[in-house]
Amino acid sequence: MIIAITESFLARIVWWCDLLCEGNFLFKKIWGNIDANNNATQFIAQRPKMTFGQYLTSSQYAVFLLFLVYSINSYAQLSGSVTGTTDYIWRGYSKSDGKPAFQANIDYTFSKGLYVGTYASTINFADQGHQDRSNLEFVPYAGYAYKLSNDWHFNAEWMRYIYDGKIFGQVVDYNLFYFYTHFRDLLTANVNFSENSYQQNHMSYSFEVMGRYPISNALELSALLGYNNQKKVLTYNYLYWNAGMTLHFSRNIGADVRYFGGIETAHHHSNVAPHWGFEPHVVDHRIVFSLTFGF
């Protein structure tokens, strides 16, 4: 991760640390001279080879870190959430074997459109009897968002699905690439693909369209329609959908109730991959409840 440090950013750190650390001259030694407007104007290349920790006392170091975080936060935004759900349904099939799951997400967005984050969830692929079973899914991601106008914006995103063990006796970590188009906050469409889905030596791809409609500040209706082409990995292609409503009790607390359904559209009858036993059923007529706490 590379953060562009501006002159005003440096000046803020210098000014506060000089003020609160009783005139400590470390920063002037490293960053150069400070003019009357608290702007960093010169960088001295031949700076001391000592570390920050060797110059600062523990209290001064704590002050430096505090205002470093404060200054970075002026150029970026940190958000996150934790969720409890009665079923972890993903692209029309369950990743928790129809059982409850707990999830968490943290996201860091920069002012220039870049963002990074990670998502985690408990999982259950119903592969009892296999050793080193996976119980957790971790999904680090990074992307770039571009705003074309007030109505239209786009983003591209990379994800890496990582499991804490094996699924049906196999290591199945894989990449996923998304391309999104958004119209206001009402409509989102995406196409996504994996070059090696579940490490089964086959490409997969999906399409999704999602609509949202706010009834009020507290209540929103939404629906999604998707198509998943994975018959060489999961033995079938299928169409899936969901519809539901989200109730926001406050800015950071929301409850969601949603209906899920799907149908198979094509089936691959041959043995796709030896020893690969994951053949999930397309979810049909299922209601899922979720509760989310965010910050």
Protein backbone atom coordinates (compact mmCIF):
# COMPACT_ATOMS: atom_id res chain seq x y z
CA MET A 1 0.00 0.00 0.00
CA ILE A 2 1.44 3.38 -0.99
CA ILE A 3 0.05 6.56 0.56
CA ALA A 4 1.00 9.85 -1.03
CA ILE A 5 2.06 12.15 1.80
CA THR A 6 1.33 15.79 0.98
CA GLU A 7 2.98 18.86 2.40
CA SER A 8 -0.07 19.74 4.48
CA PHE A 9 -0.14 16.17 5.82
CA LEU A 10 3.49 16.43 6.97
CA ALA A 11 2.97 19.88 8.39
CA ARG A 12 0.09 18.72 10.55
CA ILE A 13 2.20 15.93 12.08
CA VAL A 14 5.13 18.27 12.69
CA TRP A 15 3.04 21.04 14.20
CA TRP A 16 1.18 18.81 16.65
CA CYS A 17 4.21 16.80 17.72
CA ASP A 18 6.27 19.97 18.30
CA LEU A 19 3.40 21.36 20.35
CA LEU A 20 2.65 18.28 22.45
CA CYS A 21 6.17 16.90 22.76
CA GLU A 22 7.58 20.15 24.22
CA GLY A 23 9.41 21.33 21.16
CA ASN A 24 11.03 18.06 20.19
CA PHE A 25 13.31 18.85 17.23
CA LEU A 26 13.31 15.37 15.66
CA PHE A 27 10.90 16.26 12.90
CA LYS A 28 12.82 19.35 11.83
CA LYS A 29 15.94 17.21 11.57
CA ILE A 30 14.20 14.71 9.34
CA TRP A 31 11.72 16.71 7.28
CA GLY A 32 13.62 19.95 6.96
CA ASN A 33 12.73 23.55 7.72
CA ILE A 34 9.19 24.63 8.55
CA ASP A 35 8.03 28.03 7.27
CA ALA A 36 5.63 30.44 8.93
CA ASN A 37 2.60 28.63 7.48
CA ASN A 38 3.64 25.23 8.91
CA ASN A 39 4.43 23.85 5.43
CA ALA A 40 7.13 21.21 4.94
CA THR A 41 9.48 22.89 2.46
CA GLN A 42 12.63 20.83 2.41
CA PHE A 43 13.64 17.21 2.81
CA ILE A 44 17.16 16.60 4.08
CA ALA A 45 18.54 13.55 2.30
CA GLN A 46 21.37 13.00 4.77
CA ARG A 47 19.03 12.32 7.68
CA PRO A 48 20.20 10.48 10.81
CA LYS A 49 20.21 6.69 10.58
CA MET A 50 18.49 6.36 13.95
CA THR A 51 14.88 5.19 14.12
CA PHE A 52 11.89 7.14 15.45
CA GLY A 53 11.92 4.94 18.55
CA GLN A 54 15.49 5.97 19.38
CA TYR A 55 14.59 9.68 19.25
CA LEU A 56 11.19 9.65 21.02
CA THR A 57 10.14 8.69 24.49
CA SER A 58 7.24 6.26 24.74
CA SER A 59 4.75 9.08 25.41
CA GLN A 60 6.05 11.15 22.50
CA TYR A 61 5.93 8.10 20.22
CA ALA A 62 2.31 7.48 21.24
CA VAL A 63 1.45 11.10 20.42
CA PHE A 64 3.12 10.75 17.02
CA LEU A 65 1.15 7.58 16.18
CA LEU A 66 -2.09 9.15 17.35
CA PHE A 67 -1.79 12.13 15.06
CA LEU A 68 -0.42 10.06 12.22
CA VAL A 69 -3.64 8.01 12.28
CA TYR A 70 -5.71 11.19 12.60
CA SER A 71 -4.00 12.78 9.61
CA ILE A 72 -4.26 9.68 7.39
CA ASN A 73 -7.95 9.45 8.22
CA SER A 74 -8.44 12.89 6.67
CA TYR A 75 -7.56 11.34 3.32
CA ALA A 76 -9.29 7.98 3.76
CA GLN A 77 -12.30 6.33 5.33
CA LEU A 78 -12.42 3.20 7.45
CA SER A 79 -15.64 1.20 7.80
CA GLY A 80 -16.63 -2.25 8.91
CA SER A 81 -19.44 -4.52 10.00
CA VAL A 82 -20.31 -7.78 11.75
CA THR A 83 -23.28 -9.91 10.69
CA GLY A 84 -25.18 -12.89 11.97
CA THR A 85 -27.29 -14.76 9.40
CA THR A 86 -29.46 -17.87 9.43
CA ASP A 87 -27.80 -19.13 6.20
CA TYR A 88 -24.75 -18.07 4.18
CA ILE A 89 -26.17 -18.14 0.65
CA TRP A 90 -23.76 -17.16 -2.12
CA ARG A 91 -24.73 -17.13 -5.79
CA GLY A 92 -27.70 -19.36 -5.25
CA TYR A 93 -26.20 -22.07 -3.02
CA SER A 94 -25.40 -22.36 0.66
CA LYS A 95 -21.84 -22.15 1.98
CA SER A 96 -23.01 -23.04 5.50
CA ASP A 97 -25.03 -26.19 4.71
CA GLY A 98 -28.26 -24.35 5.51
CA LYS A 99 -27.03 -23.43 8.99
CA PRO A 100 -26.33 -20.04 10.67
CA ALA A 101 -23.09 -18.19 9.91
CA PHE A 102 -21.19 -15.28 11.42
CA GLN A 103 -19.43 -12.75 9.21
CA ALA A 104 -17.24 -9.67 9.47
CA ASN A 105 -15.94 -7.10 7.02
CA ILE A 106 -13.52 -4.19 7.18
CA ASP A 107 -12.95 -1.73 4.35
CA TYR A 108 -10.49 1.14 3.85
CA THR A 109 -11.31 3.66 1.12
CA PHE A 110 -8.87 6.29 -0.15
CA SER A 111 -9.87 9.67 -1.54
CA LYS A 112 -8.65 8.86 -5.06
CA GLY A 113 -11.00 5.90 -5.56
CA LEU A 114 -8.75 3.08 -4.37
CA TYR A 115 -10.04 0.76 -1.66
CA VAL A 116 -8.86 -2.36 0.14
CA GLY A 117 -10.46 -4.62 2.68
CA THR A 118 -11.14 -8.12 3.88
CA TYR A 119 -14.20 -10.23 4.55
CA ALA A 120 -14.48 -13.33 6.73
CA SER A 121 -17.24 -15.86 7.38
CA THR A 122 -17.82 -19.16 9.07
CA ILE A 123 -18.57 -21.92 6.53
CA ASN A 124 -19.70 -25.53 6.32
CA PHE A 125 -19.41 -27.35 2.99
CA ALA A 126 -20.93 -30.54 4.41
CA ASP A 127 -17.71 -32.50 3.80
CA GLN A 128 -17.74 -34.43 7.06
CA GLY A 129 -15.43 -37.42 6.97
CA HIS A 130 -12.62 -35.50 5.25
CA GLN A 131 -9.56 -34.43 7.19
CA ASP A 132 -8.47 -30.81 7.65
CA ARG A 133 -11.94 -29.44 6.89
CA SER A 134 -12.37 -25.71 6.35
CA ASN A 135 -14.42 -23.80 8.89
CA LEU A 136 -13.51 -20.25 7.90
CA GLU A 137 -13.40 -18.31 4.65
CA PHE A 138 -11.19 -15.21 4.30
CA VAL A 139 -11.58 -12.85 1.35
CA PRO A 140 -9.04 -10.02 1.01
CA TYR A 141 -9.91 -7.63 -1.81
CA ALA A 142 -8.77 -4.47 -3.56
CA GLY A 143 -10.45 -2.28 -6.12
CA TYR A 144 -10.77 1.05 -7.86
CA ALA A 145 -13.95 3.13 -8.14
CA TYR A 146 -14.48 5.78 -10.82
CA LYS A 147 -17.26 8.37 -10.76
CA LEU A 148 -18.31 9.37 -14.26
CA SER A 149 -21.15 11.68 -13.14
CA ASN A 150 -23.57 12.09 -10.28
CA ASP A 151 -25.67 9.30 -11.79
CA TRP A 152 -23.07 6.83 -13.06
CA HIS A 153 -20.02 5.28 -11.46
CA PHE A 154 -17.97 2.15 -12.03
CA ASN A 155 -15.54 -0.04 -10.17
CA ALA A 156 -13.26 -3.00 -10.79
CA GLU A 157 -12.34 -5.38 -7.98
CA TRP A 158 -10.07 -8.34 -7.27
CA MET A 159 -10.85 -10.89 -4.56
CA ARG A 160 -8.96 -13.88 -3.25
CA TYR A 161 -10.98 -16.64 -1.55
CA ILE A 162 -8.80 -18.30 1.09
CA TYR A 163 -9.87 -21.20 3.32
CA ASP A 164 -8.37 -22.26 6.63
CA GLY A 165 -8.30 -25.91 5.51
CA LYS A 166 -9.48 -28.13 2.68
CA ILE A 167 -12.88 -28.67 1.04
CA PHE A 168 -13.64 -32.31 0.27
CA GLY A 169 -9.96 -33.05 0.79
CA GLN A 170 -8.67 -30.42 -1.67
CA VAL A 171 -7.04 -27.01 -1.41
CA VAL A 172 -9.43 -24.72 -3.29
CA ASP A 173 -8.23 -21.11 -2.79
CA TYR A 174 -8.97 -19.05 -5.90
CA ASN A 175 -9.22 -15.56 -7.42
CA LEU A 176 -12.36 -13.71 -8.48
CA PHE A 177 -12.53 -10.55 -10.62
CA TYR A 178 -15.52 -8.18 -10.67
CA PHE A 179 -16.57 -5.31 -12.95
CA TYR A 180 -19.46 -3.16 -11.68
CA THR A 181 -21.69 -0.49 -13.19
CA HIS A 182 -23.87 1.60 -10.85
CA PHE A 183 -26.75 3.93 -11.67
CA ARG A 184 -27.27 6.23 -8.68
CA ASP A 185 -28.04 4.04 -5.65
CA LEU A 186 -30.89 2.31 -7.47
CA LEU A 187 -29.37 -0.16 -9.93
CA THR A 188 -26.14 -2.20 -10.02
CA ALA A 189 -24.96 -4.67 -12.66
CA ASN A 190 -21.80 -6.76 -12.54
CA VAL A 191 -19.96 -9.41 -14.50
CA ASN A 192 -17.37 -11.52 -12.68
CA PHE A 193 -15.12 -14.45 -13.47
CA SER A 194 -12.53 -16.77 -11.99
CA GLU A 195 -9.71 -18.12 -14.11
CA ASN A 196 -9.54 -21.29 -11.96
CA SER A 197 -12.67 -21.63 -9.84
CA TYR A 198 -12.10 -23.71 -6.69
CA GLN A 199 -8.81 -24.79 -8.32
CA GLN A 200 -10.65 -27.24 -10.57
CA ASN A 201 -8.78 -26.11 -13.72
CA HIS A 202 -11.87 -24.53 -15.25
CA MET A 203 -12.96 -20.92 -15.71
CA SER A 204 -16.33 -19.80 -14.35
CA TYR A 205 -18.29 -16.59 -14.77
CA SER A 206 -21.48 -14.97 -13.50
CA PHE A 207 -23.76 -12.03 -14.25
CA GLU A 208 -25.86 -10.17 -11.71
CA VAL A 209 -28.33 -7.27 -11.73
CA MET A 210 -29.52 -5.74 -8.45
CA GLY A 211 -32.17 -3.10 -7.84
CA ARG A 212 -32.88 -1.09 -4.69
CA TYR A 213 -35.74 1.20 -3.76
CA PRO A 214 -35.84 3.17 -0.49
CA ILE A 215 -39.35 3.37 0.94
CA SER A 216 -38.11 5.69 3.68
CA ASN A 217 -34.90 6.57 5.47
CA ALA A 218 -35.33 3.41 7.54
CA LEU A 219 -36.77 0.88 5.06
CA GLU A 220 -35.37 -0.32 1.72
CA LEU A 221 -36.62 -2.92 -0.76
CA SER A 222 -34.12 -4.76 -2.97
CA ALA A 223 -33.92 -7.67 -5.40
CA LEU A 224 -31.23 -9.50 -7.37
CA LEU A 225 -31.20 -11.73 -10.46
CA GLY A 226 -28.08 -13.68 -11.39
CA TYR A 227 -26.76 -16.39 -13.69
CA ASN A 228 -23.82 -18.64 -12.77
CA ASN A 229 -21.94 -20.64 -15.40
CA GLN A 230 -20.08 -23.29 -13.39
CA LYS A 231 -21.21 -26.66 -14.73
CA LYS A 232 -17.60 -27.80 -15.19
CA VAL A 233 -16.93 -27.07 -11.52
CA LEU A 234 -20.28 -27.59 -9.72
CA THR A 235 -21.82 -29.91 -12.40
CA TYR A 236 -24.50 -27.40 -13.45
CA ASN A 237 -25.28 -23.85 -14.56
CA TYR A 238 -28.15 -22.11 -12.85
CA LEU A 239 -30.29 -19.00 -12.57
CA TYR A 240 -30.77 -17.57 -9.08
CA TRP A 241 -32.59 -14.67 -7.47
CA ASN A 242 -33.51 -13.05 -4.17
CA ALA A 243 -35.86 -10.34 -2.95
CA GLY A 244 -36.32 -8.78 0.45
CA MET A 245 -36.27 -5.73 2.63
CA THR A 246 -33.80 -4.12 5.00
CA LEU A 247 -34.85 -2.19 8.09
CA HIS A 248 -32.32 0.29 9.51
CA PHE A 249 -32.86 0.76 13.24
CA SER A 250 -30.07 3.34 13.24
CA ARG A 251 -27.21 4.37 10.98
CA ASN A 252 -25.14 1.39 12.12
CA ILE A 253 -27.72 -1.33 12.85
CA GLY A 254 -29.84 -3.09 10.23
CA ALA A 255 -32.00 -6.20 9.92
CA ASP A 256 -32.68 -7.98 6.64
CA VAL A 257 -35.27 -10.61 5.65
CA ARG A 258 -34.87 -12.15 2.19
CA TYR A 259 -36.36 -14.83 -0.02
CA PHE A 260 -33.92 -16.91 -2.14
CA GLY A 261 -34.64 -19.15 -5.11
CA GLY A 262 -32.98 -20.72 -8.15
CA ILE A 263 -33.24 -23.28 -10.96
CA GLU A 264 -30.74 -25.38 -12.90
CA THR A 265 -30.35 -24.44 -16.56
CA ALA A 266 -27.70 -26.95 -17.72
CA HIS A 267 -26.10 -30.06 -16.26
CA HIS A 268 -22.70 -31.65 -16.81
CA HIS A 269 -23.15 -35.42 -16.53
CA SER A 270 -19.53 -36.61 -16.73
CA ASN A 271 -17.09 -36.76 -13.85
CA VAL A 272 -15.80 -33.22 -13.74
CA ALA A 273 -12.85 -33.65 -11.43
CA PRO A 274 -11.71 -36.81 -9.66
CA HIS A 275 -12.17 -36.73 -5.88
CA TRP A 276 -14.01 -33.37 -6.00
CA GLY A 277 -17.24 -33.96 -4.14
CA PHE A 278 -18.75 -30.48 -3.85
CA GLU A 279 -22.06 -30.51 -5.71
CA PRO A 280 -24.29 -28.02 -3.87
CA HIS A 281 -28.02 -27.94 -4.48
CA VAL A 282 -29.46 -24.76 -5.95
CA VAL A 283 -31.31 -23.05 -3.14
CA ASP A 284 -35.08 -23.17 -3.54
CA HIS A 285 -37.76 -21.29 -1.61
CA ARG A 286 -35.69 -20.27 1.39
CA ILE A 287 -36.15 -17.35 3.78
CA VAL A 288 -33.02 -15.93 5.42
CA PHE A 289 -32.79 -13.46 8.30
CA SER A 290 -29.67 -11.33 8.97
CA LEU A 291 -28.68 -8.76 11.58
CA THR A 292 -25.77 -6.39 10.93
CA PHE A 293 -23.85 -4.00 13.18
CA GLY A 294 -21.59 -1.53 11.37
CA PHE A 295 -19.25 1.38 12.02
